[in-house]
N, C-alpha and C. Protein backbone atom coordinates (compact mmCIF):
# COMPACT_ATOMS: atom_id res chain seq x y z
N MET A 1 0.83 -1.20 0.00
CA MET A 1 0.00 0.00 0.00
C MET A 1 0.86 1.25 0.00
N GLY A 2 1.86 1.30 0.88
CA GLY A 2 2.74 2.47 0.96
C GLY A 2 3.52 2.68 -0.33
N ALA A 3 3.99 1.56 -0.95
CA ALA A 3 4.74 1.66 -2.20
C ALA A 3 3.85 2.19 -3.32
N GLU A 4 2.56 1.76 -3.34
CA GLU A 4 1.64 2.25 -4.37
C GLU A 4 1.45 3.75 -4.27
N VAL A 5 1.31 4.24 -3.02
CA VAL A 5 1.13 5.67 -2.81
C VAL A 5 2.38 6.41 -3.26
N LEU A 6 3.57 5.87 -2.95
CA LEU A 6 4.83 6.50 -3.35
C LEU A 6 4.95 6.55 -4.87
N ILE A 7 4.62 5.43 -5.53
CA ILE A 7 4.69 5.38 -6.99
C ILE A 7 3.68 6.36 -7.59
N GLU A 8 2.46 6.37 -7.04
CA GLU A 8 1.44 7.29 -7.53
C GLU A 8 1.90 8.74 -7.36
N GLY A 9 2.51 9.06 -6.22
CA GLY A 9 3.01 10.41 -5.96
C GLY A 9 4.11 10.79 -6.93
N LYS A 10 5.05 9.86 -7.20
CA LYS A 10 6.13 10.12 -8.15
C LYS A 10 5.57 10.29 -9.55
N GLY A 11 4.57 9.48 -9.90
CA GLY A 11 3.96 9.58 -11.22
C GLY A 11 3.29 10.93 -11.43
N LYS A 12 2.61 11.42 -10.41
CA LYS A 12 1.95 12.72 -10.51
C LYS A 12 2.98 13.83 -10.64
N ARG A 13 4.08 13.72 -9.89
CA ARG A 13 5.13 14.74 -10.02
C ARG A 13 5.73 14.72 -11.41
N TRP A 14 5.94 13.53 -11.96
CA TRP A 14 6.51 13.39 -13.29
C TRP A 14 5.57 14.01 -14.32
N VAL A 15 4.26 13.73 -14.20
CA VAL A 15 3.28 14.29 -15.14
C VAL A 15 3.28 15.81 -15.04
N ARG A 16 3.35 16.35 -13.80
CA ARG A 16 3.38 17.81 -13.64
C ARG A 16 4.60 18.42 -14.32
N LYS A 17 5.75 17.75 -14.21
CA LYS A 17 6.97 18.27 -14.85
C LYS A 17 6.85 18.21 -16.37
N VAL A 18 6.33 17.11 -16.90
CA VAL A 18 6.18 16.96 -18.35
C VAL A 18 5.21 18.00 -18.90
N ARG A 19 4.14 18.30 -18.14
CA ARG A 19 3.15 19.28 -18.60
C ARG A 19 3.75 20.68 -18.69
N LYS A 20 4.85 20.93 -18.01
CA LYS A 20 5.47 22.26 -18.05
C LYS A 20 6.34 22.45 -19.30
N ILE A 21 6.71 21.37 -19.98
CA ILE A 21 7.58 21.45 -21.15
C ILE A 21 6.99 22.37 -22.22
N PRO A 22 5.71 22.22 -22.62
CA PRO A 22 5.17 23.13 -23.64
C PRO A 22 5.22 24.60 -23.22
N VAL A 23 5.08 24.87 -21.92
CA VAL A 23 5.14 26.26 -21.44
C VAL A 23 6.55 26.82 -21.69
N PHE A 24 7.58 26.05 -21.36
CA PHE A 24 8.95 26.51 -21.56
C PHE A 24 9.29 26.61 -23.04
N VAL A 25 8.82 25.65 -23.84
CA VAL A 25 9.05 25.72 -25.29
C VAL A 25 8.37 26.96 -25.86
N GLY A 26 7.14 27.22 -25.43
CA GLY A 26 6.42 28.43 -25.88
C GLY A 26 7.14 29.69 -25.47
N GLY A 27 7.67 29.73 -24.25
CA GLY A 27 8.43 30.89 -23.78
C GLY A 27 9.69 31.12 -24.61
N ILE A 28 10.39 30.04 -24.92
CA ILE A 28 11.61 30.16 -25.74
C ILE A 28 11.26 30.66 -27.13
N LEU A 29 10.22 30.09 -27.74
CA LEU A 29 9.79 30.54 -29.08
C LEU A 29 9.37 32.00 -29.05
N LEU A 30 8.65 32.38 -28.01
CA LEU A 30 8.22 33.77 -27.88
C LEU A 30 9.42 34.71 -27.86
N ILE A 31 10.43 34.37 -27.09
CA ILE A 31 11.64 35.20 -26.98
C ILE A 31 12.41 35.21 -28.30
N LEU A 32 12.58 34.04 -28.92
CA LEU A 32 13.35 33.95 -30.17
C LEU A 32 12.71 34.73 -31.32
N PHE A 33 11.37 34.73 -31.37
CA PHE A 33 10.68 35.38 -32.49
C PHE A 33 10.05 36.72 -32.11
N ALA A 34 10.46 37.27 -30.99
CA ALA A 34 9.90 38.55 -30.52
C ALA A 34 10.26 39.68 -31.48
N LYS A 35 9.27 40.54 -31.73
CA LYS A 35 9.47 41.75 -32.53
C LYS A 35 8.80 42.90 -31.79
N PRO A 36 9.29 43.24 -30.61
CA PRO A 36 8.58 44.26 -29.82
C PRO A 36 8.53 45.62 -30.51
N ASN A 37 7.40 46.28 -30.31
CA ASN A 37 7.23 47.64 -30.82
C ASN A 37 6.72 48.48 -29.65
N PRO A 38 6.95 49.79 -29.65
CA PRO A 38 6.58 50.61 -28.49
C PRO A 38 5.14 50.48 -28.00
N PRO A 39 4.12 50.57 -28.86
CA PRO A 39 2.75 50.44 -28.33
C PRO A 39 2.50 49.06 -27.70
N GLY A 40 2.98 48.02 -28.36
CA GLY A 40 2.81 46.67 -27.83
C GLY A 40 3.56 46.47 -26.53
N MET A 41 4.72 47.09 -26.42
CA MET A 41 5.50 46.98 -25.19
C MET A 41 4.76 47.63 -24.02
N VAL A 42 4.15 48.78 -24.27
CA VAL A 42 3.41 49.48 -23.20
C VAL A 42 2.21 48.64 -22.77
N VAL A 43 1.38 48.21 -23.74
CA VAL A 43 0.19 47.42 -23.40
C VAL A 43 0.61 46.09 -22.74
N GLY A 44 1.62 45.45 -23.31
CA GLY A 44 2.10 44.18 -22.76
C GLY A 44 2.60 44.32 -21.33
N MET A 45 3.37 45.37 -21.05
CA MET A 45 3.89 45.57 -19.70
C MET A 45 2.75 45.85 -18.71
N ILE A 46 1.76 46.59 -19.13
CA ILE A 46 0.62 46.86 -18.25
C ILE A 46 -0.05 45.54 -17.86
N LEU A 47 -0.26 44.65 -18.84
CA LEU A 47 -0.89 43.36 -18.56
C LEU A 47 0.00 42.46 -17.72
N ILE A 48 1.30 42.46 -18.00
CA ILE A 48 2.25 41.64 -17.22
C ILE A 48 2.27 42.10 -15.77
N VAL A 49 2.38 43.41 -15.56
CA VAL A 49 2.42 43.95 -14.19
C VAL A 49 1.09 43.69 -13.47
N ALA A 50 -0.03 43.87 -14.17
CA ALA A 50 -1.34 43.61 -13.55
C ALA A 50 -1.46 42.13 -13.18
N GLY A 51 -1.07 41.26 -14.09
CA GLY A 51 -1.15 39.83 -13.83
C GLY A 51 -0.26 39.39 -12.68
N GLU A 52 0.96 39.89 -12.66
CA GLU A 52 1.87 39.52 -11.57
C GLU A 52 1.41 40.11 -10.25
N SER A 53 0.85 41.30 -10.27
CA SER A 53 0.31 41.90 -9.04
C SER A 53 -0.82 41.04 -8.46
N ILE A 54 -1.69 40.57 -9.32
CA ILE A 54 -2.79 39.70 -8.87
C ILE A 54 -2.21 38.40 -8.29
N ARG A 55 -1.22 37.84 -8.98
CA ARG A 55 -0.62 36.59 -8.49
C ARG A 55 0.07 36.80 -7.14
N ILE A 56 0.78 37.90 -6.98
CA ILE A 56 1.45 38.18 -5.69
C ILE A 56 0.41 38.33 -4.59
N TRP A 57 -0.66 39.07 -4.87
CA TRP A 57 -1.73 39.26 -3.90
C TRP A 57 -2.34 37.91 -3.51
N ALA A 58 -2.63 37.08 -4.50
CA ALA A 58 -3.25 35.78 -4.25
C ALA A 58 -2.30 34.83 -3.51
N ALA A 59 -1.04 34.77 -3.93
CA ALA A 59 -0.08 33.84 -3.32
C ALA A 59 0.15 34.17 -1.85
N GLY A 60 0.08 35.43 -1.48
CA GLY A 60 0.26 35.83 -0.09
C GLY A 60 -0.89 35.49 0.81
N HIS A 61 -2.02 35.09 0.22
CA HIS A 61 -3.20 34.68 1.00
C HIS A 61 -3.39 33.17 0.98
N LEU A 62 -2.93 32.51 -0.07
CA LEU A 62 -3.22 31.10 -0.28
C LEU A 62 -2.56 30.20 0.76
N GLN A 63 -3.38 29.37 1.40
CA GLN A 63 -2.91 28.38 2.36
C GLN A 63 -3.31 27.00 1.83
N LYS A 64 -2.53 26.48 0.92
CA LYS A 64 -2.87 25.22 0.24
C LYS A 64 -3.12 24.10 1.24
N ASN A 65 -4.25 23.46 1.07
CA ASN A 65 -4.65 22.27 1.84
C ASN A 65 -4.72 22.47 3.35
N GLU A 66 -4.45 23.68 3.85
CA GLU A 66 -4.53 23.95 5.29
C GLU A 66 -5.91 24.45 5.68
N THR A 67 -6.35 25.43 4.94
CA THR A 67 -7.66 26.03 5.20
C THR A 67 -8.23 26.49 3.87
N LEU A 68 -9.54 26.58 3.79
CA LEU A 68 -10.17 27.10 2.57
C LEU A 68 -9.91 28.60 2.52
N THR A 69 -9.10 29.03 1.58
CA THR A 69 -8.71 30.43 1.50
C THR A 69 -9.86 31.24 0.92
N VAL A 70 -10.38 32.18 1.72
CA VAL A 70 -11.48 33.05 1.27
C VAL A 70 -11.15 34.51 1.54
N SER A 71 -9.87 34.82 1.73
CA SER A 71 -9.46 36.20 1.98
C SER A 71 -8.73 36.74 0.76
N GLY A 72 -8.45 38.04 0.80
CA GLY A 72 -7.76 38.67 -0.33
C GLY A 72 -8.57 38.52 -1.60
N PRO A 73 -7.93 38.22 -2.72
CA PRO A 73 -8.67 38.10 -3.98
C PRO A 73 -9.62 36.91 -3.99
N TYR A 74 -9.35 35.90 -3.15
CA TYR A 74 -10.22 34.73 -3.08
C TYR A 74 -11.60 35.06 -2.51
N ALA A 75 -11.76 36.20 -1.90
CA ALA A 75 -13.07 36.63 -1.42
C ALA A 75 -13.94 37.10 -2.58
N TYR A 76 -13.32 37.38 -3.72
CA TYR A 76 -14.04 37.92 -4.88
C TYR A 76 -14.12 36.94 -6.05
N VAL A 77 -13.12 36.08 -6.17
CA VAL A 77 -13.04 35.18 -7.32
C VAL A 77 -12.29 33.91 -6.90
N GLN A 78 -12.70 32.77 -7.45
CA GLN A 78 -12.08 31.51 -7.04
C GLN A 78 -10.66 31.31 -7.57
N ASN A 79 -10.37 31.85 -8.72
CA ASN A 79 -9.11 31.53 -9.39
C ASN A 79 -8.25 32.75 -9.73
N PRO A 80 -7.87 33.54 -8.74
CA PRO A 80 -7.07 34.73 -9.06
C PRO A 80 -5.70 34.40 -9.64
N LEU A 81 -5.12 33.28 -9.24
CA LEU A 81 -3.81 32.92 -9.81
C LEU A 81 -3.92 32.67 -11.31
N TYR A 82 -5.00 32.04 -11.75
CA TYR A 82 -5.19 31.78 -13.17
C TYR A 82 -5.48 33.06 -13.94
N ILE A 83 -6.23 33.96 -13.31
CA ILE A 83 -6.49 35.26 -13.94
C ILE A 83 -5.16 35.99 -14.15
N GLY A 84 -4.31 35.97 -13.11
CA GLY A 84 -2.99 36.59 -13.23
C GLY A 84 -2.16 35.93 -14.31
N THR A 85 -2.23 34.61 -14.39
CA THR A 85 -1.44 33.87 -15.38
C THR A 85 -1.86 34.22 -16.80
N ILE A 86 -3.17 34.27 -17.07
CA ILE A 86 -3.61 34.58 -18.44
C ILE A 86 -3.29 36.03 -18.79
N LEU A 87 -3.35 36.93 -17.80
CA LEU A 87 -2.95 38.32 -18.08
C LEU A 87 -1.46 38.40 -18.41
N ILE A 88 -0.65 37.66 -17.68
CA ILE A 88 0.80 37.65 -17.94
C ILE A 88 1.08 37.06 -19.32
N ALA A 89 0.48 35.92 -19.62
CA ALA A 89 0.71 35.28 -20.92
C ALA A 89 0.26 36.17 -22.07
N THR A 90 -0.91 36.78 -21.93
CA THR A 90 -1.40 37.70 -22.96
C THR A 90 -0.46 38.91 -23.08
N GLY A 91 -0.03 39.42 -21.93
CA GLY A 91 0.89 40.55 -21.93
C GLY A 91 2.19 40.24 -22.65
N PHE A 92 2.75 39.06 -22.40
CA PHE A 92 3.99 38.68 -23.07
C PHE A 92 3.80 38.53 -24.58
N CYS A 93 2.69 37.95 -25.00
CA CYS A 93 2.43 37.80 -26.43
C CYS A 93 2.30 39.16 -27.12
N ILE A 94 1.62 40.10 -26.47
CA ILE A 94 1.49 41.45 -27.02
C ILE A 94 2.83 42.17 -26.97
N PHE A 95 3.54 42.04 -25.85
CA PHE A 95 4.87 42.66 -25.68
C PHE A 95 5.82 42.21 -26.78
N ALA A 96 5.77 40.90 -27.11
CA ALA A 96 6.66 40.34 -28.13
C ALA A 96 6.07 40.44 -29.54
N ASP A 97 4.85 40.97 -29.66
CA ASP A 97 4.17 41.11 -30.94
C ASP A 97 4.04 39.77 -31.66
N ASN A 98 3.49 38.78 -30.94
CA ASN A 98 3.31 37.46 -31.51
C ASN A 98 1.84 37.05 -31.39
N ILE A 99 1.08 37.39 -32.39
CA ILE A 99 -0.36 37.14 -32.40
C ILE A 99 -0.65 35.65 -32.51
N TYR A 100 0.24 34.88 -33.16
CA TYR A 100 0.02 33.45 -33.33
C TYR A 100 0.10 32.72 -31.99
N LEU A 101 1.11 33.04 -31.22
CA LEU A 101 1.25 32.41 -29.91
C LEU A 101 0.12 32.87 -28.97
N LEU A 102 -0.32 34.11 -29.13
CA LEU A 102 -1.46 34.60 -28.33
C LEU A 102 -2.70 33.76 -28.61
N GLY A 103 -2.94 33.43 -29.88
CA GLY A 103 -4.07 32.58 -30.24
C GLY A 103 -3.95 31.19 -29.63
N VAL A 104 -2.76 30.61 -29.70
CA VAL A 104 -2.53 29.28 -29.13
C VAL A 104 -2.72 29.31 -27.62
N VAL A 105 -2.13 30.31 -26.95
CA VAL A 105 -2.23 30.44 -25.49
C VAL A 105 -3.70 30.58 -25.07
N THR A 106 -4.43 31.43 -25.75
CA THR A 106 -5.84 31.64 -25.41
C THR A 106 -6.65 30.37 -25.60
N PHE A 107 -6.42 29.68 -26.71
CA PHE A 107 -7.14 28.44 -26.99
C PHE A 107 -6.84 27.38 -25.94
N VAL A 108 -5.56 27.14 -25.67
CA VAL A 108 -5.16 26.11 -24.69
C VAL A 108 -5.68 26.47 -23.30
N PHE A 109 -5.57 27.74 -22.93
CA PHE A 109 -6.02 28.15 -21.61
C PHE A 109 -7.52 27.93 -21.44
N CYS A 110 -8.30 28.34 -22.44
CA CYS A 110 -9.76 28.25 -22.33
C CYS A 110 -10.30 26.84 -22.49
N PHE A 111 -9.71 26.05 -23.38
CA PHE A 111 -10.30 24.75 -23.70
C PHE A 111 -9.57 23.56 -23.10
N HIS A 112 -8.42 23.77 -22.49
CA HIS A 112 -7.73 22.67 -21.81
C HIS A 112 -7.49 23.00 -20.34
N TYR A 113 -6.78 24.06 -20.10
CA TYR A 113 -6.31 24.39 -18.76
C TYR A 113 -7.47 24.65 -17.78
N ILE A 114 -8.38 25.52 -18.15
CA ILE A 114 -9.50 25.86 -17.26
C ILE A 114 -10.35 24.64 -16.93
N PRO A 115 -10.83 23.87 -17.92
CA PRO A 115 -11.65 22.70 -17.57
C PRO A 115 -10.88 21.67 -16.74
N TYR A 116 -9.62 21.43 -17.10
CA TYR A 116 -8.82 20.46 -16.36
C TYR A 116 -8.63 20.89 -14.91
N LYS A 117 -8.22 22.14 -14.69
CA LYS A 117 -8.00 22.63 -13.33
C LYS A 117 -9.29 22.68 -12.53
N LYS A 118 -10.39 23.05 -13.15
CA LYS A 118 -11.68 23.11 -12.46
C LYS A 118 -12.03 21.73 -11.90
N LYS A 119 -11.84 20.70 -12.71
CA LYS A 119 -12.16 19.34 -12.27
C LYS A 119 -11.20 18.89 -11.19
N VAL A 120 -9.92 18.96 -11.43
CA VAL A 120 -8.92 18.44 -10.49
C VAL A 120 -8.97 19.20 -9.16
N GLU A 121 -8.92 20.51 -9.23
CA GLU A 121 -8.91 21.30 -7.99
C GLU A 121 -10.27 21.27 -7.29
N GLY A 122 -11.34 21.30 -8.05
CA GLY A 122 -12.67 21.22 -7.44
C GLY A 122 -12.84 19.92 -6.66
N ASP A 123 -12.42 18.81 -7.28
CA ASP A 123 -12.52 17.51 -6.60
C ASP A 123 -11.66 17.48 -5.35
N ARG A 124 -10.45 18.00 -5.45
CA ARG A 124 -9.54 17.99 -4.29
C ARG A 124 -10.08 18.86 -3.17
N LEU A 125 -10.54 20.06 -3.47
CA LEU A 125 -11.06 20.96 -2.44
C LEU A 125 -12.36 20.43 -1.83
N ARG A 126 -13.19 19.80 -2.64
CA ARG A 126 -14.43 19.20 -2.16
C ARG A 126 -14.11 18.08 -1.17
N LYS A 127 -13.09 17.30 -1.50
CA LYS A 127 -12.68 16.19 -0.64
C LYS A 127 -12.12 16.69 0.70
N ILE A 128 -11.33 17.75 0.66
CA ILE A 128 -10.70 18.28 1.87
C ILE A 128 -11.67 19.09 2.72
N PHE A 129 -12.44 20.00 2.07
CA PHE A 129 -13.23 20.97 2.82
C PHE A 129 -14.74 20.72 2.80
N GLY A 130 -15.21 19.78 2.02
CA GLY A 130 -16.61 19.37 2.02
C GLY A 130 -17.60 20.49 1.78
N ASN A 131 -18.56 20.64 2.70
CA ASN A 131 -19.65 21.61 2.55
C ASN A 131 -19.15 23.05 2.51
N ARG A 132 -18.06 23.34 3.20
CA ARG A 132 -17.52 24.72 3.17
C ARG A 132 -17.12 25.08 1.74
N PHE A 133 -16.48 24.14 1.05
CA PHE A 133 -16.11 24.42 -0.33
C PHE A 133 -17.34 24.48 -1.23
N GLU A 134 -18.30 23.59 -1.01
CA GLU A 134 -19.53 23.60 -1.82
C GLU A 134 -20.21 24.97 -1.76
N ASP A 135 -20.31 25.55 -0.56
CA ASP A 135 -20.92 26.87 -0.40
C ASP A 135 -20.09 27.93 -1.13
N TYR A 136 -18.79 27.89 -0.94
CA TYR A 136 -17.88 28.84 -1.61
C TYR A 136 -18.01 28.70 -3.13
N ASP A 137 -18.01 27.46 -3.60
CA ASP A 137 -18.08 27.19 -5.04
C ASP A 137 -19.39 27.72 -5.64
N ARG A 138 -20.48 27.62 -4.90
CA ARG A 138 -21.78 28.14 -5.36
C ARG A 138 -21.82 29.66 -5.39
N ARG A 139 -21.18 30.30 -4.42
CA ARG A 139 -21.36 31.74 -4.23
C ARG A 139 -20.27 32.61 -4.84
N VAL A 140 -19.12 32.04 -5.15
CA VAL A 140 -18.00 32.84 -5.68
C VAL A 140 -17.70 32.40 -7.12
N PRO A 141 -17.73 33.33 -8.07
CA PRO A 141 -17.48 32.98 -9.47
C PRO A 141 -16.03 32.53 -9.69
N ASP A 142 -15.85 31.76 -10.75
CA ASP A 142 -14.51 31.27 -11.08
C ASP A 142 -13.58 32.39 -11.57
N TYR A 143 -14.07 33.23 -12.50
CA TYR A 143 -13.17 34.20 -13.15
C TYR A 143 -13.66 35.63 -13.18
N ILE A 144 -14.93 35.87 -13.07
CA ILE A 144 -15.45 37.24 -13.08
C ILE A 144 -15.70 37.62 -11.62
N PRO A 145 -14.94 38.56 -11.07
CA PRO A 145 -15.06 38.86 -9.63
C PRO A 145 -16.45 39.35 -9.23
N ARG A 146 -16.87 38.96 -8.04
CA ARG A 146 -18.12 39.46 -7.46
C ARG A 146 -17.87 40.85 -6.87
N TRP A 147 -18.93 41.62 -6.71
CA TRP A 147 -18.79 43.00 -6.24
C TRP A 147 -18.50 43.10 -4.74
N VAL A 148 -19.12 42.22 -3.98
CA VAL A 148 -18.90 42.25 -2.52
C VAL A 148 -18.14 40.98 -2.13
N PRO A 149 -17.28 41.08 -1.14
CA PRO A 149 -16.49 39.90 -0.76
C PRO A 149 -17.36 38.78 -0.19
N TYR A 150 -16.95 37.56 -0.44
CA TYR A 150 -17.62 36.38 0.09
C TYR A 150 -17.55 36.38 1.61
N SER A 151 -16.40 36.80 2.13
CA SER A 151 -16.18 36.81 3.57
C SER A 151 -15.32 38.00 3.93
N ARG A 152 -15.65 38.65 5.00
CA ARG A 152 -14.82 39.77 5.46
C ARG A 152 -13.75 39.29 6.44
N GLY A 153 -13.94 38.10 6.95
CA GLY A 153 -12.97 37.54 7.88
C GLY A 153 -11.82 36.89 7.12
N GLY A 154 -11.01 36.18 7.82
CA GLY A 154 -9.94 35.46 7.16
C GLY A 154 -8.59 36.12 7.39
N GLY A 155 -7.64 35.60 6.69
CA GLY A 155 -6.26 36.03 6.89
C GLY A 155 -5.88 37.27 6.13
N SER A 156 -4.70 37.71 6.42
CA SER A 156 -4.13 38.85 5.71
C SER A 156 -2.96 38.35 4.86
N TRP A 157 -2.47 39.21 3.98
CA TRP A 157 -1.36 38.85 3.12
C TRP A 157 -0.12 38.62 3.96
N GLU A 158 0.60 37.52 3.68
CA GLU A 158 1.83 37.21 4.40
C GLU A 158 2.94 36.86 3.42
N PHE A 159 4.09 37.45 3.63
CA PHE A 159 5.25 37.18 2.79
C PHE A 159 5.62 35.70 2.84
N ARG A 160 5.48 35.10 4.02
CA ARG A 160 5.80 33.68 4.20
C ARG A 160 4.98 32.82 3.22
N ARG A 161 3.71 33.13 3.08
CA ARG A 161 2.85 32.38 2.15
C ARG A 161 3.27 32.62 0.70
N PHE A 162 3.62 33.85 0.40
CA PHE A 162 4.11 34.20 -0.93
C PHE A 162 5.29 33.29 -1.30
N ILE A 163 6.21 33.08 -0.37
CA ILE A 163 7.39 32.23 -0.60
C ILE A 163 6.97 30.76 -0.63
N GLU A 164 6.13 30.33 0.31
CA GLU A 164 5.69 28.93 0.35
C GLU A 164 5.00 28.52 -0.96
N ASN A 165 4.32 29.46 -1.58
CA ASN A 165 3.63 29.18 -2.83
C ASN A 165 4.52 29.38 -4.05
N SER A 166 5.80 29.61 -3.83
CA SER A 166 6.82 29.70 -4.89
C SER A 166 6.56 30.81 -5.89
N GLU A 167 5.91 31.88 -5.47
CA GLU A 167 5.60 32.97 -6.39
C GLU A 167 6.83 33.77 -6.76
N GLU A 168 7.85 33.76 -5.90
CA GLU A 168 9.06 34.51 -6.24
C GLU A 168 9.71 33.96 -7.50
N GLY A 169 9.60 32.65 -7.73
CA GLY A 169 10.14 32.05 -8.95
C GLY A 169 9.41 32.54 -10.18
N ILE A 170 8.09 32.63 -10.10
CA ILE A 170 7.28 33.14 -11.22
C ILE A 170 7.64 34.60 -11.49
N PHE A 171 7.77 35.37 -10.43
CA PHE A 171 8.14 36.78 -10.56
C PHE A 171 9.49 36.92 -11.27
N LEU A 172 10.48 36.13 -10.85
CA LEU A 172 11.81 36.19 -11.46
C LEU A 172 11.79 35.73 -12.92
N LEU A 173 11.01 34.70 -13.22
CA LEU A 173 10.87 34.26 -14.61
C LEU A 173 10.26 35.36 -15.48
N ASN A 174 9.25 36.04 -14.95
CA ASN A 174 8.64 37.14 -15.71
C ASN A 174 9.63 38.26 -15.96
N MET A 175 10.40 38.61 -14.93
CA MET A 175 11.43 39.65 -15.10
C MET A 175 12.46 39.22 -16.14
N ALA A 176 12.90 37.97 -16.07
CA ALA A 176 13.88 37.46 -17.03
C ALA A 176 13.31 37.50 -18.44
N GLY A 177 12.03 37.12 -18.60
CA GLY A 177 11.40 37.14 -19.92
C GLY A 177 11.38 38.53 -20.52
N VAL A 178 11.00 39.52 -19.71
CA VAL A 178 10.98 40.91 -20.18
C VAL A 178 12.38 41.34 -20.59
N LEU A 179 13.37 41.06 -19.74
CA LEU A 179 14.75 41.47 -20.05
C LEU A 179 15.29 40.77 -21.30
N LEU A 180 14.98 39.49 -21.46
CA LEU A 180 15.44 38.77 -22.65
C LEU A 180 14.81 39.32 -23.93
N ILE A 181 13.52 39.65 -23.87
CA ILE A 181 12.87 40.22 -25.05
C ILE A 181 13.44 41.60 -25.36
N LEU A 182 13.63 42.42 -24.34
CA LEU A 182 14.19 43.76 -24.55
C LEU A 182 15.62 43.71 -25.07
N SER A 183 16.38 42.74 -24.60
CA SER A 183 17.79 42.65 -25.00
C SER A 183 18.00 41.78 -26.24
N ARG A 184 16.93 41.27 -26.82
CA ARG A 184 17.01 40.39 -27.97
C ARG A 184 17.89 40.93 -29.10
N PRO A 185 17.75 42.20 -29.49
CA PRO A 185 18.62 42.69 -30.57
C PRO A 185 20.11 42.54 -30.24
N CYS A 186 20.48 42.74 -28.99
CA CYS A 186 21.89 42.63 -28.60
C CYS A 186 22.39 41.21 -28.69
N TRP A 187 21.67 40.26 -28.10
CA TRP A 187 22.18 38.89 -28.11
C TRP A 187 22.01 38.21 -29.46
N ILE A 188 21.04 38.63 -30.26
CA ILE A 188 20.91 38.08 -31.62
C ILE A 188 22.10 38.51 -32.45
N SER A 189 22.49 39.80 -32.39
CA SER A 189 23.64 40.27 -33.16
C SER A 189 24.93 39.62 -32.65
N PHE A 190 25.01 39.39 -31.33
CA PHE A 190 26.20 38.73 -30.77
C PHE A 190 26.35 37.32 -31.34
N PHE A 191 25.25 36.56 -31.34
CA PHE A 191 25.32 35.17 -31.86
C PHE A 191 25.56 35.13 -33.36
N ARG A 192 25.00 36.10 -34.07
CA ARG A 192 25.26 36.15 -35.52
C ARG A 192 26.73 36.45 -35.80
N GLY A 193 27.31 37.34 -34.99
CA GLY A 193 28.74 37.67 -35.14
C GLY A 193 29.63 36.52 -34.76
N ALA A 194 29.21 35.71 -33.80
CA ALA A 194 30.03 34.58 -33.34
C ALA A 194 30.01 33.42 -34.34
N LEU A 195 28.97 33.38 -35.17
CA LEU A 195 28.88 32.27 -36.15
C LEU A 195 29.61 32.64 -37.37
């Protein structure tokens, strides 16, 4: 029994790692084929900053599997991290002036990622929190925020949670992506000169 759980746990971790490969391939393609222009850079940066701000706010409130998080952005919407993610992805596609990747990202996010996450996370939260999650799930929308908070109680933003939820890595990756796209002309000319 214990070995089965260990194998199942390793298998899930392996699947999670494999599922990240298309994200990294997409990021590399975005950087390699980036053609930033001033208007796109401004709009893209606004979306990237807005998305990362939402993710930072959400990560500082999220207490995975400890308690049903209903504070911060979770008082208004069930999936603030995903909202932040799609804003960041859209921002990067606009920043890099890549309409094709924007279409792919939007399609995959809407028709694969959202339904998959809704099922997996909904089942997990229902199993852990039962009726409390059922009530939250009924009363709080997935992506369009409600006007009044679900709960006024709950926790406050904590840096410790931000770190526990590994948001600093996402923040650093976003910064690196912006810098790589901005510096693309320099490193492209360097590699062309070296060949």
